[in-house]
Amino acid sequence: MELRQLKYFLCIADSGSLSRASEKLHIAQSALSRQIMELEADLEARLMVRGRSGVSLTPEGEVLYDYALGITKQVANLRAAVRSSSDVVTGAIVLALPQTITTVLALPLMRAAAATFPGIAFRLNEELSGNVMDQMHRGLIDLTILCDSGTEQNLRFTPLVDEEFVLLRAPHATDAPSTDDVSLVAACSRPMIMPSTENGHTTRWVIEAALQAAGLPSLNVVAEMNSIHLIKSAVEAGLGFSVMPLALAEREVNDGRLIAHRIDGGRMRRRLSICEPLNFSESKARQAICDMIRHTAREMCEKNRWPGAHCLSLESPMH
């Protein structure tokens, strides 16, 4: 198997036809077809099926597609690392974040990357937590920010911030707490609208772990929604309560559309960490973006732009 064959394979898959890939690559269709046949023989699997509407991938081809993306990305990073000078940081970095973190960090990080590291092709994706871990292990992304479940292998988690959760309700909600602070039991016994438990590293996982540690029953969940925006809208409509970091609902709380109650005891918190793979070589670009994330998080906490968060990261010099 050769790198060029993987590139040809990706181009055909993305183009949807052999003829369009041939035009993009400036390679005769017969030569391109021969390369794919050699790749299939090497892997002992059929990768593509030709039809009237173009080329489609087989299940084996779908698997190769994801791995080929990761391999070609790592090769591109390797070339950038070798060619870059000591004082200029270049390369391509993909940071994938769950929705509960993009709400707070996406724009600050995009601004910081553009201002500080113009030589780095910085891409930020929003993904489900489960997808993030799968993509990390396959080399499709370089970094993410998650809660460390302690079960992941070949990954390094560096603590970033500690974030407090609050109970959210509509201003007209029935069974509303009579005080600004509520106990853990009182908060979590109410009818809840929460994300599902299909994926780890989520706010729901953190809450359930805290209840279990306190010897308390699981949440009384009346509806599950894998969208922070939908959860907030449902709570605002009076359909139930929810528990999440304050920063995710800061705008609605400031506008008076939602009421936030602090949960006593400080046990309902999440610790966010920068997560990076250990089975891929370190790069100057990846280290630079990690430093930028830590610097940005610290600045946001110090200037109260991340409500309810306490910075845990050590200050890192910006390159």
C-alpha atoms as a PDB file:
ATOM      1  CA  MET A   1       0.000   0.000   0.000  1.00  0.00           C
ATOM      2  CA  GLU A   2       1.382   3.382  -1.027  1.00  0.00           C
ATOM      3  CA  LEU A   3       0.497   6.882   0.150  1.00  0.00           C
ATOM      4  CA  ARG A   4      -0.381   7.975  -3.372  1.00  0.00           C
ATOM      5  CA  GLN A   5      -2.878   5.121  -3.644  1.00  0.00           C
ATOM      6  CA  LEU A   6      -4.598   6.353  -0.491  1.00  0.00           C
ATOM      7  CA  LYS A   7      -4.735   9.873  -1.936  1.00  0.00           C
ATOM      8  CA  TYR A   8      -6.206   8.550  -5.189  1.00  0.00           C
ATOM      9  CA  PHE A   9      -8.752   6.537  -3.225  1.00  0.00           C
ATOM     10  CA  LEU A  10      -9.797   9.594  -1.179  1.00  0.00           C
ATOM     11  CA  CYS A  11     -10.111  11.736  -4.300  1.00  0.00           C
ATOM     12  CA  ILE A  12     -12.356   9.193  -6.027  1.00  0.00           C
ATOM     13  CA  ALA A  13     -14.495   8.809  -2.905  1.00  0.00           C
ATOM     14  CA  ASP A  14     -14.868  12.573  -2.492  1.00  0.00           C
ATOM     15  CA  SER A  15     -15.493  13.171  -6.205  1.00  0.00           C
ATOM     16  CA  GLY A  16     -18.072  10.419  -6.465  1.00  0.00           C
ATOM     17  CA  SER A  17     -16.820   9.198  -9.829  1.00  0.00           C
ATOM     18  CA  LEU A  18     -13.661   7.941 -11.478  1.00  0.00           C
ATOM     19  CA  SER A  19     -13.910  10.449 -14.322  1.00  0.00           C
ATOM     20  CA  ARG A  20     -14.134  13.496 -12.057  1.00  0.00           C
ATOM     21  CA  ALA A  21     -11.224  12.215  -9.938  1.00  0.00           C
ATOM     22  CA  SER A  22      -9.240  11.651 -13.122  1.00  0.00           C
ATOM     23  CA  GLU A  23      -9.747  15.286 -14.135  1.00  0.00           C
ATOM     24  CA  LYS A  24      -8.764  16.591 -10.687  1.00  0.00           C
ATOM     25  CA  LEU A  25      -5.644  14.432 -10.453  1.00  0.00           C
ATOM     26  CA  HIS A  26      -4.692  14.804 -14.145  1.00  0.00           C
ATOM     27  CA  ILE A  27      -4.326  11.038 -14.381  1.00  0.00           C
ATOM     28  CA  ALA A  28      -5.845   8.754 -17.015  1.00  0.00           C
ATOM     29  CA  GLN A  29      -8.867   6.801 -15.792  1.00  0.00           C
ATOM     30  CA  SER A  30      -7.228   3.519 -16.736  1.00  0.00           C
ATOM     31  CA  ALA A  31      -4.144   4.318 -14.624  1.00  0.00           C
ATOM     32  CA  LEU A  32      -6.309   5.469 -11.731  1.00  0.00           C
ATOM     33  CA  SER A  33      -8.425   2.330 -11.913  1.00  0.00           C
ATOM     34  CA  ARG A  34      -5.294   0.204 -11.918  1.00  0.00           C
ATOM     35  CA  GLN A  35      -4.023   1.892  -8.744  1.00  0.00           C
ATOM     36  CA  ILE A  36      -7.294   1.155  -6.953  1.00  0.00           C
ATOM     37  CA  MET A  37      -7.217  -2.461  -8.139  1.00  0.00           C
ATOM     38  CA  GLU A  38      -3.704  -2.812  -6.708  1.00  0.00           C
ATOM     39  CA  LEU A  39      -4.879  -1.271  -3.436  1.00  0.00           C
ATOM     40  CA  GLU A  40      -7.798  -3.700  -3.265  1.00  0.00           C
ATOM     41  CA  ALA A  41      -5.481  -6.632  -3.995  1.00  0.00           C
ATOM     42  CA  ASP A  42      -3.103  -5.484  -1.269  1.00  0.00           C
ATOM     43  CA  LEU A  43      -5.919  -5.192   1.290  1.00  0.00           C
ATOM     44  CA  GLU A  44      -7.740  -8.257  -0.026  1.00  0.00           C
ATOM     45  CA  ALA A  45     -11.032  -6.379  -0.020  1.00  0.00           C
ATOM     46  CA  ARG A  46     -13.329  -4.680  -2.512  1.00  0.00           C
ATOM     47  CA  LEU A  47     -13.353  -0.972  -1.738  1.00  0.00           C
ATOM     48  CA  MET A  48     -15.574   0.604  -4.387  1.00  0.00           C
ATOM     49  CA  VAL A  49     -18.573  -0.269  -6.509  1.00  0.00           C
ATOM     50  CA  ARG A  50     -19.284   1.459  -9.808  1.00  0.00           C
ATOM     51  CA  GLY A  51     -22.861   2.293 -10.709  1.00  0.00           C
ATOM     52  CA  ARG A  52     -24.806   4.506 -13.085  1.00  0.00           C
ATOM     53  CA  SER A  53     -24.739   7.390 -10.630  1.00  0.00           C
ATOM     54  CA  GLY A  54     -21.021   7.072  -9.929  1.00  0.00           C
ATOM     55  CA  VAL A  55     -18.803   5.307  -7.421  1.00  0.00           C
ATOM     56  CA  SER A  56     -19.922   4.218  -3.944  1.00  0.00           C
ATOM     57  CA  LEU A  57     -17.844   2.789  -1.123  1.00  0.00           C
ATOM     58  CA  THR A  58     -18.291  -0.703   0.235  1.00  0.00           C
ATOM     59  CA  PRO A  59     -18.307  -1.197   4.047  1.00  0.00           C
ATOM     60  CA  GLU A  60     -14.595  -2.034   3.755  1.00  0.00           C
ATOM     61  CA  GLY A  61     -14.108   1.127   1.741  1.00  0.00           C
ATOM     62  CA  GLU A  62     -15.829   3.193   4.435  1.00  0.00           C
ATOM     63  CA  VAL A  63     -13.361   1.852   7.010  1.00  0.00           C
ATOM     64  CA  LEU A  64     -10.387   2.624   4.770  1.00  0.00           C
ATOM     65  CA  TYR A  65     -11.715   6.128   4.077  1.00  0.00           C
ATOM     66  CA  ASP A  66     -11.550   7.144   7.743  1.00  0.00           C
ATOM     67  CA  TYR A  67      -8.102   5.651   8.237  1.00  0.00           C
ATOM     68  CA  ALA A  68      -6.809   7.177   4.983  1.00  0.00           C
ATOM     69  CA  LEU A  69      -7.918  10.620   6.153  1.00  0.00           C
ATOM     70  CA  GLY A  70      -5.982  10.192   9.376  1.00  0.00           C
ATOM     71  CA  ILE A  71      -2.867   8.843   7.656  1.00  0.00           C
ATOM     72  CA  THR A  72      -2.684  11.597   5.037  1.00  0.00           C
ATOM     73  CA  LYS A  73      -3.273  14.203   7.729  1.00  0.00           C
ATOM     74  CA  GLN A  74      -0.406  12.900   9.856  1.00  0.00           C
ATOM     75  CA  VAL A  75       1.900  12.866   6.809  1.00  0.00           C
ATOM     76  CA  ALA A  76       0.992  16.490   6.071  1.00  0.00           C
ATOM     77  CA  ASN A  77       1.763  17.428   9.689  1.00  0.00           C
ATOM     78  CA  LEU A  78       5.077  15.589   9.473  1.00  0.00           C
ATOM     79  CA  ARG A  79       6.107  17.510   6.377  1.00  0.00           C
ATOM     80  CA  ALA A  80       5.119  20.813   7.969  1.00  0.00           C
ATOM     81  CA  ALA A  81       7.124  19.991  11.105  1.00  0.00           C
ATOM     82  CA  VAL A  82      10.234  19.086   9.114  1.00  0.00           C
ATOM     83  CA  ARG A  83      10.076  22.152   6.883  1.00  0.00           C
ATOM     84  CA  SER A  84       9.187  24.748   9.510  1.00  0.00           C
ATOM     85  CA  SER A  85      11.890  27.023  10.853  1.00  0.00           C
ATOM     86  CA  SER A  86      12.619  27.343  14.552  1.00  0.00           C
ATOM     87  CA  ASP A  87      10.832  30.683  14.921  1.00  0.00           C
ATOM     88  CA  VAL A  88       7.764  30.118  12.712  1.00  0.00           C
ATOM     89  CA  VAL A  89       5.033  27.665  13.694  1.00  0.00           C
ATOM     90  CA  THR A  90       3.217  26.097  10.752  1.00  0.00           C
ATOM     91  CA  GLY A  91       1.014  23.087  10.179  1.00  0.00           C
ATOM     92  CA  ALA A  92      -2.618  22.043  10.322  1.00  0.00           C
ATOM     93  CA  ILE A  93      -4.491  21.397  13.562  1.00  0.00           C
ATOM     94  CA  VAL A  94      -8.042  20.094  13.950  1.00  0.00           C
ATOM     95  CA  LEU A  95      -9.687  20.792  17.305  1.00  0.00           C
ATOM     96  CA  ALA A  96     -13.018  19.013  17.842  1.00  0.00           C
ATOM     97  CA  LEU A  97     -15.254  20.153  20.700  1.00  0.00           C
ATOM     98  CA  PRO A  98     -18.579  18.971  22.109  1.00  0.00           C
ATOM     99  CA  GLN A  99     -21.469  21.434  21.929  1.00  0.00           C
ATOM    100  CA  THR A 100     -21.287  22.181  25.650  1.00  0.00           C
ATOM    101  CA  ILE A 101     -17.782  23.580  25.133  1.00  0.00           C
ATOM    102  CA  THR A 102     -18.071  25.285  21.732  1.00  0.00           C
ATOM    103  CA  THR A 103     -20.741  27.546  23.253  1.00  0.00           C
ATOM    104  CA  VAL A 104     -18.092  29.027  25.542  1.00  0.00           C
ATOM    105  CA  LEU A 105     -14.746  28.562  23.814  1.00  0.00           C
ATOM    106  CA  ALA A 106     -15.229  28.410  20.036  1.00  0.00           C
ATOM    107  CA  LEU A 107     -15.105  32.114  19.175  1.00  0.00           C
ATOM    108  CA  PRO A 108     -12.355  33.056  21.677  1.00  0.00           C
ATOM    109  CA  LEU A 109     -10.140  30.251  20.348  1.00  0.00           C
ATOM    110  CA  MET A 110     -10.782  31.124  16.698  1.00  0.00           C
ATOM    111  CA  ARG A 111      -9.859  34.762  17.386  1.00  0.00           C
ATOM    112  CA  ALA A 112      -6.741  33.778  19.336  1.00  0.00           C
ATOM    113  CA  ALA A 113      -5.551  31.372  16.627  1.00  0.00           C
ATOM    114  CA  ALA A 114      -5.997  33.927  13.852  1.00  0.00           C
ATOM    115  CA  ALA A 115      -4.184  36.644  15.820  1.00  0.00           C
ATOM    116  CA  THR A 116      -1.353  34.546  17.267  1.00  0.00           C
ATOM    117  CA  PHE A 117      -0.622  31.725  14.822  1.00  0.00           C
ATOM    118  CA  PRO A 118      -1.403  32.798  11.243  1.00  0.00           C
ATOM    119  CA  GLY A 119       0.914  30.047   9.979  1.00  0.00           C
ATOM    120  CA  ILE A 120      -1.267  27.320  11.447  1.00  0.00           C
ATOM    121  CA  ALA A 121      -4.280  26.100   9.482  1.00  0.00           C
ATOM    122  CA  PHE A 122      -6.605  25.888  12.489  1.00  0.00           C
ATOM    123  CA  ARG A 123      -9.929  24.092  12.084  1.00  0.00           C
ATOM    124  CA  LEU A 124     -12.534  23.802  14.825  1.00  0.00           C
ATOM    125  CA  ASN A 125     -15.304  21.209  14.571  1.00  0.00           C
ATOM    126  CA  GLU A 126     -18.370  20.703  16.754  1.00  0.00           C
ATOM    127  CA  GLU A 127     -19.048  17.011  17.413  1.00  0.00           C
ATOM    128  CA  LEU A 128     -20.905  14.669  19.732  1.00  0.00           C
ATOM    129  CA  SER A 129     -18.672  13.512  22.577  1.00  0.00           C
ATOM    130  CA  GLY A 130     -18.705   9.895  21.423  1.00  0.00           C
ATOM    131  CA  ASN A 131     -17.679  10.897  17.901  1.00  0.00           C
ATOM    132  CA  VAL A 132     -14.833  13.001  19.268  1.00  0.00           C
ATOM    133  CA  MET A 133     -13.183  10.049  21.003  1.00  0.00           C
ATOM    134  CA  ASP A 134     -13.565   7.801  17.971  1.00  0.00           C
ATOM    135  CA  GLN A 135     -12.024  10.426  15.689  1.00  0.00           C
ATOM    136  CA  MET A 136      -9.185  11.015  18.146  1.00  0.00           C
ATOM    137  CA  HIS A 137      -8.220   7.346  18.217  1.00  0.00           C
ATOM    138  CA  ARG A 138      -8.250   7.178  14.401  1.00  0.00           C
ATOM    139  CA  GLY A 139      -6.058  10.247  13.989  1.00  0.00           C
ATOM    140  CA  LEU A 140      -8.729  12.398  12.324  1.00  0.00           C
ATOM    141  CA  ILE A 141      -8.412  15.158  14.932  1.00  0.00           C
ATOM    142  CA  ASP A 142      -5.465  16.478  16.900  1.00  0.00           C
ATOM    143  CA  LEU A 143      -7.049  17.839  20.072  1.00  0.00           C
ATOM    144  CA  THR A 144     -10.249  18.026  22.041  1.00  0.00           C
ATOM    145  CA  ILE A 145     -11.452  19.293  25.423  1.00  0.00           C
ATOM    146  CA  LEU A 146     -13.416  16.817  27.543  1.00  0.00           C
ATOM    147  CA  CYS A 147     -14.030  15.470  31.012  1.00  0.00           C
ATOM    148  CA  ASP A 148     -11.541  12.727  31.818  1.00  0.00           C
ATOM    149  CA  SER A 149     -13.503   9.545  32.571  1.00  0.00           C
ATOM    150  CA  GLY A 150     -10.301   7.701  33.524  1.00  0.00           C
ATOM    151  CA  THR A 151     -11.107   4.885  31.110  1.00  0.00           C
ATOM    152  CA  GLU A 152      -9.428   6.085  27.918  1.00  0.00           C
ATOM    153  CA  GLN A 153      -6.068   4.665  26.831  1.00  0.00           C
ATOM    154  CA  ASN A 154      -3.329   6.211  24.658  1.00  0.00           C
ATOM    155  CA  LEU A 155      -4.595   9.696  25.474  1.00  0.00           C
ATOM    156  CA  ARG A 156      -3.174  12.441  27.673  1.00  0.00           C
ATOM    157  CA  PHE A 157      -5.580  14.612  29.682  1.00  0.00           C
ATOM    158  CA  THR A 158      -4.225  17.932  30.983  1.00  0.00           C
ATOM    159  CA  PRO A 159      -6.582  19.723  33.429  1.00  0.00           C
ATOM    160  CA  LEU A 160      -7.856  23.047  32.087  1.00  0.00           C
ATOM    161  CA  VAL A 161     -10.787  24.396  34.154  1.00  0.00           C
ATOM    162  CA  ASP A 162     -13.120  23.333  36.931  1.00  0.00           C
ATOM    163  CA  GLU A 163     -16.706  24.363  36.173  1.00  0.00           C
ATOM    164  CA  GLU A 164     -19.655  24.579  38.570  1.00  0.00           C
ATOM    165  CA  PHE A 165     -23.125  23.356  37.595  1.00  0.00           C
ATOM    166  CA  VAL A 166     -26.402  25.139  38.384  1.00  0.00           C
ATOM    167  CA  LEU A 167     -30.070  24.181  38.456  1.00  0.00           C
ATOM    168  CA  LEU A 168     -32.000  25.971  35.705  1.00  0.00           C
ATOM    169  CA  ARG A 169     -35.743  26.675  35.636  1.00  0.00           C
ATOM    170  CA  ALA A 170     -38.258  28.922  33.950  1.00  0.00           C
ATOM    171  CA  PRO A 171     -39.300  32.071  35.866  1.00  0.00           C
ATOM    172  CA  HIS A 172     -42.878  30.739  36.045  1.00  0.00           C
ATOM    173  CA  ALA A 173     -41.901  27.137  36.876  1.00  0.00           C
ATOM    174  CA  THR A 174     -44.006  25.268  39.417  1.00  0.00           C
ATOM    175  CA  ASP A 175     -42.149  23.674  42.342  1.00  0.00           C
ATOM    176  CA  ALA A 176     -39.500  26.407  42.068  1.00  0.00           C
ATOM    177  CA  PRO A 177     -36.886  26.493  44.883  1.00  0.00           C
ATOM    178  CA  SER A 178     -37.583  29.188  47.452  1.00  0.00           C
ATOM    179  CA  THR A 179     -33.884  30.078  47.894  1.00  0.00           C
ATOM    180  CA  ASP A 180     -31.014  30.990  45.592  1.00  0.00           C
ATOM    181  CA  ASP A 181     -29.089  27.890  46.695  1.00  0.00           C
ATOM    182  CA  VAL A 182     -30.513  24.373  46.602  1.00  0.00           C
ATOM    183  CA  SER A 183     -29.267  21.055  47.946  1.00  0.00           C
ATOM    184  CA  LEU A 184     -28.021  18.329  45.634  1.00  0.00           C
ATOM    185  CA  VAL A 185     -31.041  16.190  46.539  1.00  0.00           C
ATOM    186  CA  ALA A 186     -33.530  18.995  45.933  1.00  0.00           C
ATOM    187  CA  ALA A 187     -31.944  19.935  42.630  1.00  0.00           C
ATOM    188  CA  CYS A 188     -31.785  16.481  41.117  1.00  0.00           C
ATOM    189  CA  SER A 189     -35.159  15.155  42.336  1.00  0.00           C
ATOM    190  CA  ARG A 190     -37.071  17.550  40.084  1.00  0.00           C
ATOM    191  CA  PRO A 191     -38.315  16.542  36.599  1.00  0.00           C
ATOM    192  CA  MET A 192     -35.239  16.918  34.412  1.00  0.00           C
ATOM    193  CA  ILE A 193     -34.609  17.602  30.720  1.00  0.00           C
ATOM    194  CA  MET A 194     -31.131  16.292  29.962  1.00  0.00           C
ATOM    195  CA  PRO A 195     -28.791  14.986  27.252  1.00  0.00           C
ATOM    196  CA  SER A 196     -28.848  11.238  26.707  1.00  0.00           C
ATOM    197  CA  THR A 197     -26.344   8.823  28.237  1.00  0.00           C
ATOM    198  CA  GLU A 198     -25.324   7.290  24.910  1.00  0.00           C
ATOM    199  CA  ASN A 199     -21.899   8.910  24.995  1.00  0.00           C
ATOM    200  CA  GLY A 200     -19.405   9.323  27.828  1.00  0.00           C
ATOM    201  CA  HIS A 201     -17.591  12.539  28.751  1.00  0.00           C
ATOM    202  CA  THR A 202     -20.901  14.484  28.728  1.00  0.00           C
ATOM    203  CA  THR A 203     -22.555  16.731  31.318  1.00  0.00           C
ATOM    204  CA  ARG A 204     -25.071  13.943  31.971  1.00  0.00           C
ATOM    205  CA  TRP A 205     -22.231  11.526  32.754  1.00  0.00           C
ATOM    206  CA  VAL A 206     -20.715  14.006  35.219  1.00  0.00           C
ATOM    207  CA  ILE A 207     -24.033  14.528  37.008  1.00  0.00           C
ATOM    208  CA  GLU A 208     -24.842  10.832  37.302  1.00  0.00           C
ATOM    209  CA  ALA A 209     -21.319  10.154  38.632  1.00  0.00           C
ATOM    210  CA  ALA A 210     -21.752  12.855  41.304  1.00  0.00           C
ATOM    211  CA  LEU A 211     -25.104  11.400  42.406  1.00  0.00           C
ATOM    212  CA  GLN A 212     -23.668   7.908  42.600  1.00  0.00           C
ATOM    213  CA  ALA A 213     -20.708   9.137  44.661  1.00  0.00           C
ATOM    214  CA  ALA A 214     -23.139  10.808  47.089  1.00  0.00           C
ATOM    215  CA  GLY A 215     -25.251   7.651  47.353  1.00  0.00           C
ATOM    216  CA  LEU A 216     -28.270   9.375  45.793  1.00  0.00           C
ATOM    217  CA  PRO A 217     -30.805   8.087  43.233  1.00  0.00           C
ATOM    218  CA  SER A 218     -30.371   8.789  39.534  1.00  0.00           C
ATOM    219  CA  LEU A 219     -31.930  11.831  37.910  1.00  0.00           C
ATOM    220  CA  ASN A 220     -35.682  12.004  37.383  1.00  0.00           C
ATOM    221  CA  VAL A 221     -35.413  12.474  33.604  1.00  0.00           C
ATOM    222  CA  VAL A 222     -38.659  13.295  31.794  1.00  0.00           C
ATOM    223  CA  ALA A 223     -37.108  14.108  28.407  1.00  0.00           C
ATOM    224  CA  GLU A 224     -33.773  13.610  26.641  1.00  0.00           C
ATOM    225  CA  MET A 225     -32.436  16.018  24.023  1.00  0.00           C
ATOM    226  CA  ASN A 226     -28.968  16.005  22.504  1.00  0.00           C
ATOM    227  CA  SER A 227     -29.025  19.742  21.913  1.00  0.00           C
ATOM    228  CA  ILE A 228     -28.179  22.383  24.504  1.00  0.00           C
ATOM    229  CA  HIS A 229     -30.316  24.928  22.658  1.00  0.00           C
ATOM    230  CA  LEU A 230     -33.365  22.641  22.702  1.00  0.00           C
ATOM    231  CA  ILE A 231     -32.870  21.821  26.380  1.00  0.00           C
ATOM    232  CA  LYS A 232     -32.769  25.510  27.292  1.00  0.00           C
ATOM    233  CA  SER A 233     -35.854  26.217  25.175  1.00  0.00           C
ATOM    234  CA  ALA A 234     -37.748  23.361  26.824  1.00  0.00           C
ATOM    235  CA  VAL A 235     -36.812  24.580  30.306  1.00  0.00           C
ATOM    236  CA  GLU A 236     -37.788  28.140  29.394  1.00  0.00           C
ATOM    237  CA  ALA A 237     -41.181  26.800  28.239  1.00  0.00           C
ATOM    238  CA  GLY A 238     -41.695  25.279  31.679  1.00  0.00           C
ATOM    239  CA  LEU A 239     -41.464  21.648  30.576  1.00  0.00           C
ATOM    240  CA  GLY A 240     -38.963  20.766  33.289  1.00  0.00           C
ATOM    241  CA  PHE A 241     -35.680  21.693  34.963  1.00  0.00           C
ATOM    242  CA  SER A 242     -32.104  21.058  33.895  1.00  0.00           C
ATOM    243  CA  VAL A 243     -28.609  21.031  35.348  1.00  0.00           C
ATOM    244  CA  MET A 244     -25.658  22.358  33.371  1.00  0.00           C
ATOM    245  CA  PRO A 245     -22.676  24.719  33.676  1.00  0.00           C
ATOM    246  CA  LEU A 246     -23.766  28.329  34.173  1.00  0.00           C
ATOM    247  CA  ALA A 247     -21.773  29.542  31.152  1.00  0.00           C
ATOM    248  CA  LEU A 248     -24.035  27.570  28.802  1.00  0.00           C
ATOM    249  CA  ALA A 249     -27.084  29.554  29.896  1.00  0.00           C
ATOM    250  CA  GLU A 250     -25.456  32.894  30.760  1.00  0.00           C
ATOM    251  CA  ARG A 251     -27.351  34.854  28.106  1.00  0.00           C
ATOM    252  CA  GLU A 252     -30.761  33.444  29.036  1.00  0.00           C
ATOM    253  CA  VAL A 253     -30.097  34.021  32.755  1.00  0.00           C
ATOM    254  CA  ASN A 254     -28.985  37.612  32.170  1.00  0.00           C
ATOM    255  CA  ASP A 255     -32.083  38.226  30.042  1.00  0.00           C
ATOM    256  CA  GLY A 256     -34.332  36.839  32.787  1.00  0.00           C
ATOM    257  CA  ARG A 257     -35.600  34.003  30.571  1.00  0.00           C
ATOM    258  CA  LEU A 258     -34.086  31.376  32.885  1.00  0.00           C
ATOM    259  CA  ILE A 259     -33.396  31.355  36.622  1.00  0.00           C
ATOM    260  CA  ALA A 260     -30.186  29.747  37.913  1.00  0.00           C
ATOM    261  CA  HIS A 261     -29.833  28.229  41.388  1.00  0.00           C
ATOM    262  CA  ARG A 262     -26.452  27.355  42.842  1.00  0.00           C
ATOM    263  CA  ILE A 263     -26.224  23.757  44.060  1.00  0.00           C
ATOM    264  CA  ASP A 264     -24.899  23.512  47.634  1.00  0.00           C
ATOM    265  CA  GLY A 265     -21.799  21.543  48.472  1.00  0.00           C
ATOM    266  CA  GLY A 266     -19.874  22.146  45.285  1.00  0.00           C
ATOM    267  CA  ARG A 267     -20.112  18.468  44.329  1.00  0.00           C
ATOM    268  CA  MET A 268     -21.838  19.127  41.029  1.00  0.00           C
ATOM    269  CA  ARG A 269     -18.908  20.196  38.887  1.00  0.00           C
ATOM    270  CA  ARG A 270     -17.024  19.095  35.826  1.00  0.00           C
ATOM    271  CA  ARG A 271     -13.281  19.186  35.259  1.00  0.00           C
ATOM    272  CA  LEU A 272     -12.447  19.931  31.649  1.00  0.00           C
ATOM    273  CA  SER A 273      -9.100  18.784  30.296  1.00  0.00           C
ATOM    274  CA  ILE A 274      -7.188  19.180  27.062  1.00  0.00           C
ATOM    275  CA  CYS A 275      -7.062  15.745  25.462  1.00  0.00           C
ATOM    276  CA  GLU A 276      -4.386  14.749  22.946  1.00  0.00           C
ATOM    277  CA  PRO A 277      -3.209  11.424  21.511  1.00  0.00           C
ATOM    278  CA  LEU A 278      -0.059   9.707  22.768  1.00  0.00           C
ATOM    279  CA  ASN A 279       0.373   7.430  19.770  1.00  0.00           C
ATOM    280  CA  PHE A 280       1.172  10.294  17.362  1.00  0.00           C
ATOM    281  CA  SER A 281       4.375  12.281  17.507  1.00  0.00           C
ATOM    282  CA  GLU A 282       4.295  15.721  19.115  1.00  0.00           C
ATOM    283  CA  SER A 283       4.335  18.713  16.778  1.00  0.00           C
ATOM    284  CA  LYS A 284       5.166  22.359  17.336  1.00  0.00           C
ATOM    285  CA  ALA A 285       1.771  23.334  15.942  1.00  0.00           C
ATOM    286  CA  ARG A 286      -0.120  21.066  18.345  1.00  0.00           C
ATOM    287  CA  GLN A 287       1.901  22.291  21.321  1.00  0.00           C
ATOM    288  CA  ALA A 288       1.317  25.889  20.267  1.00  0.00           C
ATOM    289  CA  ILE A 289      -2.450  25.386  20.104  1.00  0.00           C
ATOM    290  CA  CYS A 290      -2.413  23.658  23.510  1.00  0.00           C
ATOM    291  CA  ASP A 291      -0.588  26.667  24.959  1.00  0.00           C
ATOM    292  CA  MET A 292      -3.102  28.976  23.281  1.00  0.00           C
ATOM    293  CA  ILE A 293      -6.045  27.060  24.775  1.00  0.00           C
ATOM    294  CA  ARG A 294      -4.549  27.272  28.284  1.00  0.00           C
ATOM    295  CA  HIS A 295      -3.758  30.976  27.898  1.00  0.00           C
ATOM    296  CA  THR A 296      -7.247  31.747  26.560  1.00  0.00           C
ATOM    297  CA  ALA A 297      -8.982  29.783  29.333  1.00  0.00           C
ATOM    298  CA  ARG A 298      -6.953  31.490  32.039  1.00  0.00           C
ATOM    299  CA  GLU A 299      -7.655  34.941  30.607  1.00  0.00           C
ATOM    300  CA  MET A 300     -11.386  34.225  30.348  1.00  0.00           C
ATOM    301  CA  CYS A 301     -11.540  33.055  33.977  1.00  0.00           C
ATOM    302  CA  GLU A 302      -9.547  36.019  35.269  1.00  0.00           C
ATOM    303  CA  LYS A 303     -11.764  38.498  33.396  1.00  0.00           C
ATOM    304  CA  ASN A 304     -14.986  36.678  34.407  1.00  0.00           C
ATOM    305  CA  ARG A 305     -15.806  35.797  30.805  1.00  0.00           C
ATOM    306  CA  TRP A 306     -16.333  32.179  31.793  1.00  0.00           C
ATOM    307  CA  PRO A 307     -18.873  32.345  34.642  1.00  0.00           C
ATOM    308  CA  GLY A 308     -18.706  29.526  37.157  1.00  0.00           C
ATOM    309  CA  ALA A 309     -15.266  28.357  35.969  1.00  0.00           C
ATOM    310  CA  HIS A 310     -11.984  28.195  37.880  1.00  0.00           C
ATOM    311  CA  CYS A 311      -8.771  27.866  35.895  1.00  0.00           C
ATOM    312  CA  LEU A 312      -6.616  24.825  36.662  1.00  0.00           C
ATOM    313  CA  SER A 313      -4.015  25.122  33.931  1.00  0.00           C
ATOM    314  CA  LEU A 314      -0.514  26.410  34.442  1.00  0.00           C
ATOM    315  CA  GLU A 315       0.301  29.551  32.522  1.00  0.00           C
ATOM    316  CA  SER A 316       2.056  28.728  29.259  1.00  0.00           C
ATOM    317  CA  PRO A 317       4.093  31.170  27.165  1.00  0.00           C
ATOM    318  CA  MET A 318       2.534  32.076  23.842  1.00  0.00           C
ATOM    319  CA  HIS A 319       4.871  31.512  20.900  1.00  0.00           C
END
